């Protein structure tokens, strides 16, 4: 299996927990360059639910830190790759 080299050009700053009892602090990371199967979404709103809280507290014993909370989002599509077909 060949390894795919991904290029990260766009720098993102988010807020993350660095351990189970830390406050949320800035975290900088790179975003992959768009691919033909890529859909980019501008996140306008994000919710934090009970599973996010349990994950950040490591209540299930499987958390990997740093961790960015929020997987329930509302946003708008700002870019669609050439392999994406719209109905």
Protein backbone atom coordinates (compact mmCIF):
# COMPACT_ATOMS: atom_id res chain seq x y z
CA UNK A 1 0.00 0.00 0.00
CA UNK A 2 1.41 3.38 -1.02
CA UNK A 3 1.44 6.21 1.46
CA UNK A 4 -0.29 9.38 0.33
CA UNK A 5 1.54 12.60 1.14
CA UNK A 6 -0.96 15.21 2.24
CA UNK A 7 -0.07 18.88 2.15
CA UNK A 8 -1.35 21.16 4.89
CA UNK A 9 -1.32 24.79 3.82
CA UNK A 10 -4.17 26.41 5.69
CA UNK A 11 -3.51 26.99 9.39
CA UNK A 12 -6.51 26.58 11.69
CA UNK A 13 -6.87 27.68 15.31
CA UNK A 14 -9.45 25.90 17.45
CA UNK A 15 -9.95 25.33 21.17
CA UNK A 16 -9.05 22.01 22.74
CA UNK A 17 -8.77 20.27 26.08
CA UNK A 18 -5.21 19.04 26.65
CA UNK A 19 -6.16 16.67 29.47
CA UNK A 20 -9.29 15.57 31.36
CA UNK A 21 -9.41 18.57 33.70
CA UNK A 22 -7.87 21.42 31.69
CA UNK A 23 -9.74 24.45 30.42
CA UNK A 24 -10.12 24.80 26.66
CA UNK A 25 -6.98 26.39 25.21
CA UNK A 26 -5.99 27.38 21.64
CA UNK A 27 -4.78 24.56 19.38
CA UNK A 28 -3.19 25.24 15.99
CA UNK A 29 -3.25 22.62 13.23
CA UNK A 30 -3.23 22.39 9.45
CA UNK A 31 -6.12 21.66 7.12
CA UNK A 32 -5.59 19.34 4.14
CA UNK A 33 -5.58 20.80 0.66
CA UNK A 34 -8.90 20.12 -1.12
CA UNK A 35 -9.24 16.90 -3.12
CA UNK A 36 -11.82 15.94 -5.79
CA UNK A 37 -13.94 14.26 -3.07
CA UNK A 38 -13.67 17.18 -0.66
CA UNK A 39 -16.59 19.26 0.62
CA UNK A 40 -15.59 22.32 2.62
CA UNK A 41 -18.08 23.67 5.14
CA UNK A 42 -17.89 27.01 6.90
CA UNK A 43 -19.03 26.18 10.42
CA UNK A 44 -21.45 28.81 11.70
CA UNK A 45 -22.70 27.10 14.87
CA UNK A 46 -21.52 24.13 16.91
CA UNK A 47 -23.19 22.27 19.75
CA UNK A 48 -21.56 20.42 22.62
CA UNK A 49 -23.55 17.40 23.77
CA UNK A 50 -23.32 14.99 26.70
CA UNK A 51 -21.01 12.62 24.78
CA UNK A 52 -18.55 15.50 24.18
CA UNK A 53 -18.50 16.20 27.92
CA UNK A 54 -18.00 12.51 28.78
CA UNK A 55 -15.21 12.27 26.18
CA UNK A 56 -13.34 15.35 27.46
CA UNK A 57 -13.60 14.04 31.03
CA UNK A 58 -12.29 10.67 29.81
CA UNK A 59 -15.24 8.93 31.49
CA UNK A 60 -15.07 6.06 28.96
CA UNK A 61 -11.30 5.69 29.38
CA UNK A 62 -10.53 6.02 25.67
CA UNK A 63 -10.00 9.76 25.12
CA UNK A 64 -7.03 10.94 23.07
CA UNK A 65 -5.75 14.41 23.95
CA UNK A 66 -5.72 17.13 22.83
CA UNK A 67 -9.40 16.86 21.97
CA UNK A 68 -11.60 19.40 20.17
CA UNK A 69 -15.23 19.25 21.20
CA UNK A 70 -18.32 19.59 19.08
CA UNK A 71 -19.47 17.26 16.33
CA UNK A 72 -22.97 18.67 15.80
CA UNK A 73 -22.57 21.58 13.42
CA UNK A 74 -24.59 23.96 11.26
CA UNK A 75 -22.84 25.65 8.39
CA UNK A 76 -22.78 26.40 4.70
CA UNK A 77 -20.95 24.63 1.91
CA UNK A 78 -18.21 26.87 0.54
CA UNK A 79 -16.38 24.46 -1.78
CA UNK A 80 -17.24 21.23 -3.59
CA UNK A 81 -14.69 18.92 -5.24
CA UNK A 82 -14.97 17.91 -8.89
CA UNK A 83 -15.97 14.31 -7.99
CA UNK A 84 -18.97 15.42 -5.94
CA UNK A 85 -22.29 15.23 -7.72
CA UNK A 86 -25.14 17.45 -6.57
CA UNK A 87 -28.75 16.24 -6.82
